[in-house]
N, C-alpha and C. Protein backbone atom coordinates (compact mmCIF):
# COMPACT_ATOMS: atom_id res chain seq x y z
N UNK A 1 0.75 -1.12 -0.15
CA UNK A 1 0.17 0.08 0.01
C UNK A 1 0.79 1.23 0.13
N UNK A 2 0.48 2.25 -0.71
CA UNK A 2 1.15 3.60 -0.84
C UNK A 2 1.17 4.32 0.60
N UNK A 3 2.35 4.76 1.00
CA UNK A 3 2.25 5.48 2.19
C UNK A 3 1.34 6.76 2.23
N UNK A 4 0.84 7.06 3.45
CA UNK A 4 -0.09 8.24 3.44
C UNK A 4 0.47 9.47 3.11
N UNK A 5 -0.14 10.45 2.43
CA UNK A 5 0.52 11.68 1.93
C UNK A 5 0.96 12.43 3.38
N UNK A 6 2.07 13.27 3.18
CA UNK A 6 2.38 14.02 4.35
C UNK A 6 1.44 14.97 4.80
N UNK A 7 1.30 15.17 6.36
CA UNK A 7 0.38 16.13 6.90
C UNK A 7 0.80 17.40 6.61
N UNK A 8 -0.26 18.23 6.23
CA UNK A 8 0.27 19.87 5.96
C UNK A 8 -0.06 20.68 7.17
N UNK A 9 1.02 21.40 7.50
CA UNK A 9 0.77 22.34 8.74
C UNK A 9 0.63 23.77 8.19
N UNK A 10 0.10 24.61 9.10
CA UNK A 10 -0.07 25.89 8.74
C UNK A 10 0.20 26.73 10.01
N UNK A 11 0.67 27.82 9.99
CA UNK A 11 0.95 28.75 11.01
C UNK A 11 -0.16 29.77 11.21
N UNK A 12 -0.94 29.83 12.22
CA UNK A 12 -1.96 30.72 12.41
C UNK A 12 -1.45 31.99 13.17
N UNK A 13 -2.14 33.04 12.64
CA UNK A 13 -1.69 34.38 13.36
C UNK A 13 -2.67 34.39 14.60
N UNK A 14 -2.23 35.22 15.60
CA UNK A 14 -3.09 35.32 16.76
C UNK A 14 -4.50 35.83 16.64
N UNK A 15 -5.37 35.24 17.31
CA UNK A 15 -6.86 35.66 17.34
C UNK A 15 -7.26 35.38 18.66
N UNK A 16 -8.18 36.35 19.34
CA UNK A 16 -8.44 36.07 20.68
C UNK A 16 -9.41 34.82 20.82
N UNK A 17 -9.47 34.16 22.01
CA UNK A 17 -10.38 33.18 22.16
C UNK A 17 -11.93 33.41 21.86
N UNK A 18 -12.67 32.36 21.29
CA UNK A 18 -13.90 32.62 20.99
C UNK A 18 -14.79 33.23 22.02
N UNK A 19 -14.39 32.87 23.22
CA UNK A 19 -15.23 33.32 24.46
C UNK A 19 -14.82 34.77 25.04
N UNK A 20 -13.83 35.36 24.22
CA UNK A 20 -13.39 36.51 24.97
C UNK A 20 -14.44 37.68 24.77
N UNK A 21 -15.21 37.73 23.95
CA UNK A 21 -16.19 38.83 23.79
C UNK A 21 -17.64 38.65 24.03
N UNK A 22 -17.97 37.62 24.82
CA UNK A 22 -19.26 37.32 25.25
C UNK A 22 -20.05 38.55 25.50
N UNK A 23 -19.67 39.35 26.51
CA UNK A 23 -20.27 40.49 27.02
C UNK A 23 -20.50 41.50 26.01
N UNK A 24 -19.66 41.66 25.02
CA UNK A 24 -19.86 42.76 24.07
C UNK A 24 -19.21 42.44 22.83
N UNK A 25 -19.74 42.90 21.75
CA UNK A 25 -19.20 42.69 20.43
C UNK A 25 -18.61 44.02 19.89
N UNK A 26 -18.68 45.09 20.60
CA UNK A 26 -18.25 46.48 20.32
C UNK A 26 -16.77 46.43 20.10
N UNK A 27 -16.52 47.00 18.87
CA UNK A 27 -15.00 47.21 18.49
C UNK A 27 -14.48 48.66 19.21
N UNK A 28 -13.27 48.62 19.62
CA UNK A 28 -12.91 50.00 20.20
C UNK A 28 -12.70 50.91 19.05
N UNK A 29 -12.91 52.36 19.31
CA UNK A 29 -12.69 53.17 18.45
C UNK A 29 -11.31 53.51 18.19
N UNK A 30 -10.93 54.41 17.15
CA UNK A 30 -9.58 54.58 16.68
C UNK A 30 -8.90 55.29 17.90
N UNK A 31 -9.63 56.11 18.50
CA UNK A 31 -9.14 56.85 19.74
C UNK A 31 -8.67 55.93 21.04
N UNK A 32 -9.69 54.89 20.97
CA UNK A 32 -9.29 53.88 22.14
C UNK A 32 -8.30 53.01 21.90
N UNK A 33 -8.01 52.72 20.61
CA UNK A 33 -6.73 51.83 20.17
C UNK A 33 -5.33 52.81 20.40
N UNK A 34 -5.53 53.95 19.96
CA UNK A 34 -4.49 54.93 20.20
C UNK A 34 -4.24 55.08 21.70
N UNK A 35 -5.29 55.07 22.55
CA UNK A 35 -4.99 55.07 23.93
C UNK A 35 -4.19 53.82 24.57
N UNK A 36 -4.36 52.73 23.88
CA UNK A 36 -3.65 51.53 24.39
C UNK A 36 -2.24 51.75 23.88
N UNK A 37 -1.90 52.27 22.91
CA UNK A 37 -0.54 52.56 22.48
C UNK A 37 0.13 53.45 23.70
N UNK A 38 -0.58 54.64 23.97
CA UNK A 38 0.00 55.53 25.05
C UNK A 38 0.11 54.84 26.22
N UNK A 39 -0.72 53.88 26.52
CA UNK A 39 -0.57 53.13 27.87
C UNK A 39 0.58 52.32 27.84
N UNK A 40 0.97 51.67 26.76
CA UNK A 40 2.18 50.91 26.59
C UNK A 40 3.43 51.56 26.31
N UNK A 41 3.27 52.84 26.34
CA UNK A 41 4.48 53.75 26.17
C UNK A 41 4.74 54.41 27.50
N UNK A 42 5.06 53.75 28.59
CA UNK A 42 5.36 54.56 29.89
C UNK A 42 6.33 55.59 29.77
N UNK A 43 7.29 55.54 29.10
CA UNK A 43 8.31 56.31 28.88
C UNK A 43 7.99 57.73 28.14
N UNK A 44 6.77 57.64 27.43
CA UNK A 44 6.23 58.84 26.80
C UNK A 44 7.35 59.22 25.67
N UNK A 45 8.15 58.28 25.05
CA UNK A 45 8.91 58.65 23.87
C UNK A 45 8.52 58.35 22.73
N UNK A 46 7.21 57.79 22.40
CA UNK A 46 6.84 57.43 21.30
C UNK A 46 7.08 56.03 20.66
N UNK A 47 7.68 55.21 21.59
CA UNK A 47 8.11 53.84 21.23
C UNK A 47 7.57 52.84 22.24
N UNK A 48 6.93 51.77 21.69
CA UNK A 48 6.55 50.57 22.74
C UNK A 48 7.65 49.42 22.37
N UNK A 49 8.27 49.20 23.49
CA UNK A 49 9.31 48.15 23.37
C UNK A 49 8.68 46.78 23.72
N UNK A 50 9.47 45.73 23.43
CA UNK A 50 8.74 44.38 23.50
C UNK A 50 8.27 44.03 24.96
N UNK A 51 9.14 44.42 25.86
CA UNK A 51 8.90 44.03 27.22
C UNK A 51 7.51 44.50 27.85
N UNK A 52 7.26 45.83 27.32
CA UNK A 52 5.78 46.42 27.71
C UNK A 52 4.77 45.74 26.79
N UNK A 53 5.02 45.44 25.71
CA UNK A 53 4.05 44.78 24.76
C UNK A 53 3.83 43.31 25.30
N UNK A 54 4.93 42.68 25.83
CA UNK A 54 4.82 41.28 26.26
C UNK A 54 3.85 41.27 27.45
N UNK A 55 4.04 42.31 28.58
CA UNK A 55 3.24 42.27 29.74
C UNK A 55 1.92 42.49 29.38
N UNK A 56 1.55 43.41 28.32
CA UNK A 56 0.14 43.42 28.00
C UNK A 56 -0.57 42.19 27.46
N UNK A 57 0.42 41.54 26.45
CA UNK A 57 -0.03 40.37 26.03
C UNK A 57 -0.45 39.31 26.97
N UNK A 58 0.48 39.06 27.91
CA UNK A 58 0.27 38.24 29.08
C UNK A 58 -1.05 38.52 29.70
N UNK A 59 -1.29 39.90 30.08
CA UNK A 59 -2.43 40.37 30.64
C UNK A 59 -3.70 39.82 29.97
N UNK A 60 -3.85 39.78 28.66
CA UNK A 60 -4.84 39.55 27.83
C UNK A 60 -5.11 38.06 27.29
N UNK A 61 -3.90 37.20 27.93
CA UNK A 61 -4.09 35.74 27.80
C UNK A 61 -3.39 35.26 26.59
N UNK A 62 -2.47 35.97 26.07
CA UNK A 62 -1.61 35.41 24.74
C UNK A 62 -0.50 34.55 25.24
N UNK A 63 0.01 33.54 24.50
CA UNK A 63 1.10 32.85 24.84
C UNK A 63 2.36 33.64 24.32
N UNK A 64 3.42 33.10 24.87
CA UNK A 64 4.65 33.88 24.30
C UNK A 64 4.97 33.88 22.85
N UNK A 65 4.50 32.74 22.21
CA UNK A 65 4.75 32.56 20.80
C UNK A 65 3.80 33.61 20.10
N UNK A 66 2.59 33.69 20.36
CA UNK A 66 1.52 34.47 19.99
C UNK A 66 2.04 36.04 20.10
N UNK A 67 2.54 36.47 21.22
CA UNK A 67 3.03 37.77 21.58
C UNK A 67 4.17 38.10 20.64
N UNK A 68 5.04 37.14 20.42
CA UNK A 68 6.21 37.40 19.55
C UNK A 68 5.89 37.68 18.12
N UNK A 69 5.01 36.67 17.69
CA UNK A 69 4.31 36.78 16.30
C UNK A 69 3.66 38.05 15.96
N UNK A 70 2.83 38.60 17.03
CA UNK A 70 2.17 39.89 16.78
C UNK A 70 3.07 40.98 16.71
N UNK A 71 4.01 40.83 17.67
CA UNK A 71 5.06 42.02 17.75
C UNK A 71 5.79 42.04 16.47
N UNK A 72 6.22 40.89 15.90
CA UNK A 72 7.00 40.99 14.79
C UNK A 72 6.30 41.48 13.48
N UNK A 73 4.85 41.07 13.68
CA UNK A 73 3.90 41.53 12.41
C UNK A 73 3.74 42.98 12.32
N UNK A 74 3.85 43.54 13.53
CA UNK A 74 3.69 44.98 13.70
C UNK A 74 4.98 45.79 13.52
N UNK A 75 6.09 45.22 13.91
CA UNK A 75 7.45 45.81 13.71
C UNK A 75 8.04 45.24 12.29
N UNK A 76 7.45 45.71 11.35
CA UNK A 76 7.81 45.14 9.98
C UNK A 76 9.27 45.37 9.76
N UNK A 77 9.86 46.79 10.24
CA UNK A 77 11.01 47.06 9.86
C UNK A 77 12.19 46.31 10.79
N UNK A 78 11.62 45.50 11.76
CA UNK A 78 12.73 44.95 12.82
C UNK A 78 13.44 45.82 13.61
N UNK A 79 12.87 46.99 13.89
CA UNK A 79 13.46 47.89 14.78
C UNK A 79 13.70 47.39 16.34
N UNK A 80 12.79 46.64 16.71
CA UNK A 80 12.79 46.31 18.04
C UNK A 80 11.90 47.05 18.83
N UNK A 81 11.11 47.99 18.45
CA UNK A 81 10.15 48.81 19.25
C UNK A 81 9.12 49.12 18.21
N UNK A 82 7.86 49.64 18.59
CA UNK A 82 6.77 49.96 17.71
C UNK A 82 6.56 51.54 17.81
N UNK A 83 6.23 52.06 16.80
CA UNK A 83 5.83 53.38 16.67
C UNK A 83 4.45 53.61 16.41
N UNK A 84 3.82 54.87 16.47
CA UNK A 84 2.39 55.08 16.22
C UNK A 84 2.14 54.63 14.88
N UNK A 85 3.02 54.79 13.99
CA UNK A 85 2.83 54.45 12.62
C UNK A 85 2.65 53.08 12.38
N UNK A 86 3.51 52.05 13.25
CA UNK A 86 3.34 50.67 13.11
C UNK A 86 1.95 50.45 13.64
N UNK A 87 1.58 51.13 14.67
CA UNK A 87 0.18 50.83 15.44
C UNK A 87 -0.82 51.23 14.33
N UNK A 88 -0.64 51.97 13.43
CA UNK A 88 -1.70 52.57 12.46
C UNK A 88 -1.77 51.72 11.25
N UNK A 89 -1.03 50.71 11.19
CA UNK A 89 -0.83 49.88 9.79
C UNK A 89 -2.26 49.40 9.48
N UNK A 90 -2.68 49.69 8.35
CA UNK A 90 -4.07 49.26 7.89
C UNK A 90 -4.22 47.85 7.91
N UNK A 91 -3.20 46.98 7.51
CA UNK A 91 -3.26 45.57 7.33
C UNK A 91 -3.25 44.94 8.66
N UNK A 92 -2.95 45.64 9.78
CA UNK A 92 -3.03 45.10 11.15
C UNK A 92 -4.25 45.58 11.99
N UNK A 93 -5.14 46.30 11.14
CA UNK A 93 -6.16 47.09 11.94
C UNK A 93 -7.11 46.07 12.89
N UNK A 94 -7.51 44.88 12.10
CA UNK A 94 -8.48 44.03 12.81
C UNK A 94 -7.80 43.46 13.96
N UNK A 95 -6.52 43.02 13.85
CA UNK A 95 -5.87 42.25 14.92
C UNK A 95 -5.50 43.24 16.15
N UNK A 96 -5.15 44.40 15.85
CA UNK A 96 -5.05 45.50 16.89
C UNK A 96 -6.34 45.86 17.59
N UNK A 97 -7.36 45.78 16.86
CA UNK A 97 -8.66 46.03 17.38
C UNK A 97 -9.10 44.92 18.32
N UNK A 98 -8.76 43.73 18.04
CA UNK A 98 -8.98 42.56 18.93
C UNK A 98 -8.08 42.70 20.09
N UNK A 99 -6.88 42.78 19.89
CA UNK A 99 -6.01 43.08 21.13
C UNK A 99 -6.41 44.23 21.94
N UNK A 100 -6.72 45.42 21.33
CA UNK A 100 -7.08 46.52 22.09
C UNK A 100 -8.40 46.29 22.84
N UNK A 101 -9.35 45.60 22.36
CA UNK A 101 -10.55 45.14 23.22
C UNK A 101 -10.22 44.50 24.30
N UNK A 102 -9.50 43.40 24.12
CA UNK A 102 -9.11 42.72 25.36
C UNK A 102 -8.35 43.44 26.45
N UNK A 103 -7.41 44.06 25.99
CA UNK A 103 -6.70 44.95 26.80
C UNK A 103 -7.57 45.96 27.64
N UNK A 104 -8.39 46.75 26.91
CA UNK A 104 -9.17 47.69 27.53
C UNK A 104 -10.32 47.19 28.24
N UNK A 105 -10.67 45.97 28.22
CA UNK A 105 -11.69 45.09 29.06
C UNK A 105 -11.09 44.72 30.22
N UNK A 106 -9.79 44.32 30.23
CA UNK A 106 -9.08 43.97 31.36
C UNK A 106 -8.65 45.19 32.17
N UNK A 107 -8.36 46.28 31.64
CA UNK A 107 -7.82 47.57 32.54
C UNK A 107 -9.13 48.35 32.71
N UNK A 108 -9.99 48.46 31.85
CA UNK A 108 -11.22 49.48 32.33
C UNK A 108 -12.58 48.84 32.45
N UNK A 109 -12.81 47.50 32.22
CA UNK A 109 -13.92 46.85 32.35
C UNK A 109 -14.81 46.72 31.19
N UNK A 110 -15.97 45.98 31.13
CA UNK A 110 -16.67 45.69 29.99
C UNK A 110 -16.91 46.94 29.20
N UNK A 111 -17.04 48.10 29.59
CA UNK A 111 -17.42 49.20 28.76
C UNK A 111 -16.40 49.82 27.91
N UNK A 112 -15.12 49.37 28.36
CA UNK A 112 -13.67 49.92 27.72
C UNK A 112 -13.45 51.31 27.65
N UNK A 113 -14.34 51.92 28.53
CA UNK A 113 -14.19 53.47 28.72
C UNK A 113 -13.50 53.71 30.04
N UNK A 114 -12.68 54.92 29.96
CA UNK A 114 -11.98 55.29 31.07
C UNK A 114 -12.96 56.24 32.09
N UNK A 115 -13.79 55.45 32.72
CA UNK A 115 -14.72 56.10 33.64
C UNK A 115 -14.21 56.81 34.73
N UNK A 116 -12.94 56.82 35.03
CA UNK A 116 -12.35 57.42 36.10
C UNK A 116 -11.80 58.83 35.58
N UNK A 117 -11.85 59.03 34.33
CA UNK A 117 -11.32 60.28 34.02
C UNK A 117 -12.19 61.34 34.34
N UNK A 118 -11.71 62.54 34.79
CA UNK A 118 -12.65 63.57 35.17
C UNK A 118 -13.22 64.38 33.96
N UNK A 119 -14.41 64.82 34.05
CA UNK A 119 -15.20 65.50 32.91
C UNK A 119 -14.64 66.88 32.78
N UNK A 120 -13.90 67.25 31.75
CA UNK A 120 -13.40 68.61 31.61
C UNK A 120 -14.39 69.66 31.14
N UNK A 121 -14.72 70.77 31.70
CA UNK A 121 -15.57 71.77 31.26
C UNK A 121 -15.12 72.99 30.68
N UNK A 122 -13.70 73.04 30.54
CA UNK A 122 -12.85 74.21 29.91
C UNK A 122 -12.12 73.73 28.88
N UNK A 123 -12.19 74.37 27.66
CA UNK A 123 -11.62 74.11 26.32
C UNK A 123 -10.03 74.32 26.75
N UNK A 124 -9.71 75.53 27.44
CA UNK A 124 -8.27 75.80 27.64
C UNK A 124 -7.58 74.74 28.46
N UNK A 125 -8.25 74.18 29.62
CA UNK A 125 -7.87 72.99 30.37
C UNK A 125 -7.59 71.89 29.38
N UNK A 126 -8.66 71.49 28.62
CA UNK A 126 -8.61 70.32 27.83
C UNK A 126 -7.25 70.66 26.72
N UNK A 127 -7.05 71.76 26.22
CA UNK A 127 -5.84 71.97 25.50
C UNK A 127 -4.63 71.95 26.10
N UNK A 128 -4.52 72.17 27.38
CA UNK A 128 -3.27 71.93 28.02
C UNK A 128 -2.90 70.51 28.43
N UNK A 129 -4.02 69.83 28.58
CA UNK A 129 -3.91 68.50 28.79
C UNK A 129 -3.38 67.71 27.59
N UNK A 130 -3.92 68.14 26.47
CA UNK A 130 -3.43 67.42 25.27
C UNK A 130 -2.07 67.76 25.11
N UNK A 131 -1.65 69.03 25.23
CA UNK A 131 -0.30 69.30 24.95
C UNK A 131 0.66 68.50 25.82
N UNK A 132 0.26 68.51 27.28
CA UNK A 132 1.12 67.75 28.20
C UNK A 132 1.11 66.27 27.95
N UNK A 133 0.03 65.58 27.32
CA UNK A 133 -0.15 64.24 27.08
C UNK A 133 0.83 63.91 25.98
N UNK A 134 1.11 64.66 24.95
CA UNK A 134 1.62 64.66 23.67
C UNK A 134 3.19 65.12 23.89
N UNK A 135 3.63 65.43 25.06
CA UNK A 135 4.94 65.96 25.20
C UNK A 135 5.84 64.80 25.26
N UNK A 136 7.07 64.97 24.94
CA UNK A 136 8.23 64.05 25.04
C UNK A 136 9.02 64.12 26.26
N UNK A 137 8.68 63.29 27.26
CA UNK A 137 9.24 63.43 28.51
C UNK A 137 10.78 63.23 28.51
N UNK A 138 11.45 62.58 27.47
CA UNK A 138 12.79 62.39 27.47
C UNK A 138 13.44 63.49 26.79
N UNK A 139 12.69 64.59 26.21
CA UNK A 139 13.54 65.62 25.64
C UNK A 139 13.20 66.89 26.20
N UNK A 140 13.11 67.22 27.50
CA UNK A 140 12.82 68.32 28.05
C UNK A 140 11.29 68.77 28.03
N UNK A 141 10.46 67.80 27.83
CA UNK A 141 9.14 68.02 27.80
C UNK A 141 8.53 68.94 26.51
N UNK A 142 9.34 69.00 25.50
CA UNK A 142 9.08 69.89 24.32
C UNK A 142 8.39 68.97 23.51
N UNK A 143 7.52 69.59 22.69
CA UNK A 143 6.86 68.97 21.68
C UNK A 143 7.17 69.16 20.36
N UNK A 144 7.14 68.18 19.41
CA UNK A 144 7.53 68.18 18.07
C UNK A 144 6.45 68.13 17.16
N UNK A 145 6.38 68.76 16.01
CA UNK A 145 5.45 68.61 15.07
C UNK A 145 5.20 67.15 14.61
N UNK A 146 6.15 66.32 14.74
CA UNK A 146 5.84 64.94 14.33
C UNK A 146 5.03 64.38 15.23
N UNK A 147 5.08 64.55 16.61
CA UNK A 147 4.39 63.84 17.52
C UNK A 147 3.01 64.32 17.33
N UNK A 148 2.51 65.41 17.07
CA UNK A 148 1.14 65.84 16.77
C UNK A 148 0.49 65.27 15.64
N UNK A 149 1.43 65.28 14.48
CA UNK A 149 1.12 64.79 13.29
C UNK A 149 0.66 63.49 13.36
N UNK A 150 1.48 62.61 14.14
CA UNK A 150 1.30 61.16 14.27
C UNK A 150 -0.03 60.81 14.82
N UNK A 151 -0.42 61.65 15.86
CA UNK A 151 -1.58 61.69 16.72
C UNK A 151 -2.91 61.85 15.83
N UNK A 152 -2.64 63.07 14.96
CA UNK A 152 -3.65 63.44 14.03
C UNK A 152 -3.89 62.47 13.01
N UNK A 153 -2.87 61.91 12.45
CA UNK A 153 -3.06 60.93 11.35
C UNK A 153 -3.69 59.59 11.81
N UNK A 154 -3.43 59.10 13.07
CA UNK A 154 -3.97 57.97 13.59
C UNK A 154 -5.48 57.99 13.86
N UNK A 155 -5.93 59.19 14.24
CA UNK A 155 -7.40 59.48 14.20
C UNK A 155 -8.08 59.57 13.08
N UNK A 156 -7.31 60.23 11.97
CA UNK A 156 -7.96 60.36 10.67
C UNK A 156 -7.80 59.17 9.91
N UNK A 157 -8.80 58.52 10.19
CA UNK A 157 -8.76 57.10 9.62
C UNK A 157 -8.97 56.97 8.14
N UNK A 158 -9.72 57.75 7.59
CA UNK A 158 -10.07 57.88 6.29
C UNK A 158 -8.81 58.77 5.49
N UNK A 159 -7.88 59.23 6.17
CA UNK A 159 -6.78 59.86 5.48
C UNK A 159 -6.98 61.02 4.50
N UNK A 160 -8.12 61.90 4.95
CA UNK A 160 -8.51 62.85 4.01
C UNK A 160 -7.95 64.33 4.48
N UNK A 161 -6.95 64.05 5.39
CA UNK A 161 -6.33 65.39 5.92
C UNK A 161 -7.13 66.13 6.82
N UNK A 162 -8.20 65.68 7.19
CA UNK A 162 -9.14 66.50 8.26
C UNK A 162 -9.85 65.76 9.15
N UNK A 163 -10.24 66.36 10.42
CA UNK A 163 -10.89 65.54 11.33
C UNK A 163 -12.40 66.20 11.38
N UNK A 164 -13.35 65.25 11.37
CA UNK A 164 -14.79 65.86 11.62
C UNK A 164 -14.93 65.82 13.12
N UNK A 165 -16.12 66.29 13.49
CA UNK A 165 -16.66 66.47 14.89
C UNK A 165 -16.28 65.15 15.69
N UNK A 166 -16.94 64.02 15.14
CA UNK A 166 -16.74 62.73 15.99
C UNK A 166 -15.32 62.27 16.04
N UNK A 167 -14.39 62.46 15.11
CA UNK A 167 -13.07 62.28 15.10
C UNK A 167 -12.43 63.07 16.22
N UNK A 168 -12.78 64.48 16.16
CA UNK A 168 -12.19 65.18 17.00
C UNK A 168 -12.36 65.02 18.54
N UNK A 169 -13.61 64.43 18.68
CA UNK A 169 -14.26 63.89 20.06
C UNK A 169 -13.26 62.66 20.42
N UNK A 170 -13.21 61.91 19.38
CA UNK A 170 -12.48 60.47 19.76
C UNK A 170 -11.07 60.76 19.82
N UNK A 171 -10.52 61.82 19.30
CA UNK A 171 -9.09 62.20 19.58
C UNK A 171 -8.97 62.59 21.01
N UNK A 172 -9.76 63.42 21.56
CA UNK A 172 -9.79 63.77 22.90
C UNK A 172 -9.83 62.64 23.89
N UNK A 173 -10.81 61.68 23.46
CA UNK A 173 -10.94 60.44 24.48
C UNK A 173 -9.75 59.61 24.35
N UNK A 174 -9.19 59.51 22.98
CA UNK A 174 -8.01 58.66 23.03
C UNK A 174 -6.71 59.02 23.83
N UNK A 175 -6.80 60.33 24.13
CA UNK A 175 -5.75 60.91 25.01
C UNK A 175 -6.17 60.79 26.43
N UNK A 176 -7.36 60.18 26.73
CA UNK A 176 -7.94 60.17 28.13
C UNK A 176 -8.39 61.46 28.61
N UNK A 177 -8.95 62.12 27.73
CA UNK A 177 -9.55 63.40 28.16
C UNK A 177 -11.08 63.57 27.96
N UNK A 178 -11.68 63.40 28.92
CA UNK A 178 -13.34 63.41 28.75
C UNK A 178 -13.77 64.84 28.84
N UNK A 179 -14.16 65.36 27.71
CA UNK A 179 -14.65 66.66 27.55
C UNK A 179 -16.25 66.76 27.60
N UNK A 180 -16.71 67.66 28.12
CA UNK A 180 -18.34 67.94 27.92
C UNK A 180 -18.60 68.32 26.55
N UNK A 181 -19.97 68.25 26.32
CA UNK A 181 -20.47 68.71 25.00
C UNK A 181 -20.20 69.95 24.51
N UNK A 182 -20.30 70.87 25.55
CA UNK A 182 -20.12 72.41 25.29
C UNK A 182 -18.66 72.64 24.91
N UNK A 183 -17.72 71.66 25.54
CA UNK A 183 -16.34 71.99 25.32
C UNK A 183 -16.01 71.60 23.80
N UNK A 184 -16.71 70.41 23.42
CA UNK A 184 -16.54 70.07 21.96
C UNK A 184 -17.00 71.10 21.08
N UNK A 185 -18.21 71.64 21.44
CA UNK A 185 -18.65 72.90 20.60
C UNK A 185 -17.69 74.06 20.34
N UNK A 186 -17.15 74.44 21.70
CA UNK A 186 -16.13 75.41 21.72
C UNK A 186 -14.87 75.07 20.78
N UNK A 187 -14.53 73.81 20.86
CA UNK A 187 -13.31 73.44 20.15
C UNK A 187 -13.48 73.40 18.50
N UNK A 188 -14.83 72.97 18.19
CA UNK A 188 -15.22 73.05 16.81
C UNK A 188 -15.14 74.45 16.20
N UNK A 189 -15.74 75.40 17.23
CA UNK A 189 -15.91 76.72 16.67
C UNK A 189 -14.39 77.57 16.60
N UNK A 190 -13.62 76.89 17.46
CA UNK A 190 -12.08 77.58 17.51
C UNK A 190 -11.25 77.04 16.36
N UNK A 191 -11.37 75.70 16.12
CA UNK A 191 -10.46 74.95 15.17
C UNK A 191 -10.98 75.18 13.74
N UNK A 192 -12.33 75.02 13.57
CA UNK A 192 -12.85 75.21 12.22
C UNK A 192 -12.98 76.59 11.63
N UNK A 193 -11.92 77.18 11.27
CA UNK A 193 -11.90 78.45 10.98
C UNK A 193 -12.41 78.99 9.70
N UNK A 194 -12.45 78.05 8.83
CA UNK A 194 -13.17 78.23 7.50
C UNK A 194 -14.52 77.81 7.44
N UNK A 195 -15.15 77.33 8.51
CA UNK A 195 -16.46 76.79 8.66
C UNK A 195 -16.77 75.83 7.57
N UNK A 196 -15.73 74.74 7.35
CA UNK A 196 -16.00 73.78 6.27
C UNK A 196 -16.55 72.45 6.97
N UNK A 197 -16.76 72.42 8.37
CA UNK A 197 -17.36 71.46 9.12
C UNK A 197 -16.28 70.35 9.43
N UNK A 198 -15.12 70.57 9.01
CA UNK A 198 -13.98 69.70 9.17
C UNK A 198 -12.66 70.59 9.73
N UNK A 199 -11.92 69.89 10.49
CA UNK A 199 -10.59 70.75 10.99
C UNK A 199 -9.42 70.04 10.15
N UNK A 200 -8.55 70.82 9.47
CA UNK A 200 -7.44 70.27 8.69
C UNK A 200 -6.35 70.46 9.64
N UNK A 201 -5.23 69.89 9.19
CA UNK A 201 -4.06 69.84 9.88
C UNK A 201 -3.52 71.34 10.43
N UNK A 202 -3.48 72.10 9.27
CA UNK A 202 -3.15 73.48 9.61
C UNK A 202 -3.98 74.16 10.58
N UNK A 203 -5.25 73.91 10.62
CA UNK A 203 -6.04 74.49 11.60
C UNK A 203 -5.79 73.85 12.94
N UNK A 204 -5.62 72.51 12.89
CA UNK A 204 -5.36 71.65 14.10
C UNK A 204 -4.17 72.29 14.78
N UNK A 205 -2.97 72.55 14.22
CA UNK A 205 -1.86 73.04 14.88
C UNK A 205 -1.73 74.51 15.05
N UNK A 206 -2.44 75.32 14.19
CA UNK A 206 -2.55 76.72 14.43
C UNK A 206 -3.29 77.04 15.76
N UNK A 207 -4.42 76.50 15.99
CA UNK A 207 -5.28 76.87 17.00
C UNK A 207 -5.27 75.95 18.25
N UNK A 208 -5.13 74.68 18.06
CA UNK A 208 -5.08 73.79 19.23
C UNK A 208 -3.68 73.84 19.83
N UNK A 209 -2.67 73.99 19.02
CA UNK A 209 -1.28 73.96 19.68
C UNK A 209 -0.53 74.99 18.99
N UNK A 210 -0.79 76.25 19.57
CA UNK A 210 -0.14 77.59 18.96
C UNK A 210 1.31 77.35 19.64
N UNK A 211 1.68 76.81 20.72
CA UNK A 211 2.85 76.88 21.11
C UNK A 211 3.91 76.06 20.25
N UNK A 212 3.50 75.26 19.53
CA UNK A 212 4.40 74.40 18.56
C UNK A 212 5.07 75.25 17.65
N UNK A 213 4.38 76.45 17.24
CA UNK A 213 5.23 77.12 16.16
C UNK A 213 6.23 78.18 16.71
N UNK A 214 5.97 78.29 18.09
CA UNK A 214 6.88 79.16 18.88
C UNK A 214 7.92 78.44 19.67
N UNK A 215 7.87 77.13 19.48
CA UNK A 215 8.85 76.33 20.25
C UNK A 215 8.83 76.35 21.71
N UNK A 216 7.64 76.63 22.35
CA UNK A 216 7.58 76.77 23.66
C UNK A 216 7.42 75.52 24.34
N UNK A 217 7.83 75.46 25.57
CA UNK A 217 7.79 74.31 26.51
C UNK A 217 6.38 74.23 27.09
N UNK A 218 6.20 72.89 27.55
CA UNK A 218 4.79 72.61 28.13
C UNK A 218 4.72 73.29 29.46
N UNK A 219 5.67 73.67 30.19
CA UNK A 219 5.67 74.43 31.41
C UNK A 219 5.39 75.90 31.15
N UNK A 220 5.38 76.41 29.89
CA UNK A 220 5.05 77.68 29.61
C UNK A 220 3.62 78.02 29.52
N UNK A 221 2.96 77.00 29.42
CA UNK A 221 1.37 77.16 29.38
C UNK A 221 0.73 77.73 30.66
């Protein structure tokens, strides 16, 4: 009798367990996925190193091999760390949404929302918080245009160069800033100078981060 054909094997990419999302099928927003990157970057230098990613992977129930494979898939250039642009890769969107959903449910509960964040009722306070959260702690707390551009591009999912009202709100939430509705109204009035209904990057930098053009430090606010 002829020998049986050799068994075919395949390598599967990581996917969450089937029972992981019983309580909710809701996917996290772009802002929520961005907030996970921020959480895994405790040094606030714009880089997620493997040890921090591994700790998060263990928290959500991944095996060491799954963690390594997902990190490698994200770090296509083999840098040894992840940047916001790695985190925003369109071909990794679904896997990162799954990962972020598990992580947020573990750290924030079933709602995946940062319910402990205070509700901000002043646009000026919200603006100062955004600047502080995007500061580079390893470089004198100064802010670079690149840092702001990365955050903007991440939230701007359709890559049309502008944020609409919902995306702007998501951007605030992604940075852990819970603003009241009237603050969002004030932000739109301030940022949408051409009354187009959208906020382009020029408006975003000019109005929300005026200190960038002057090279000011966070402490100067």
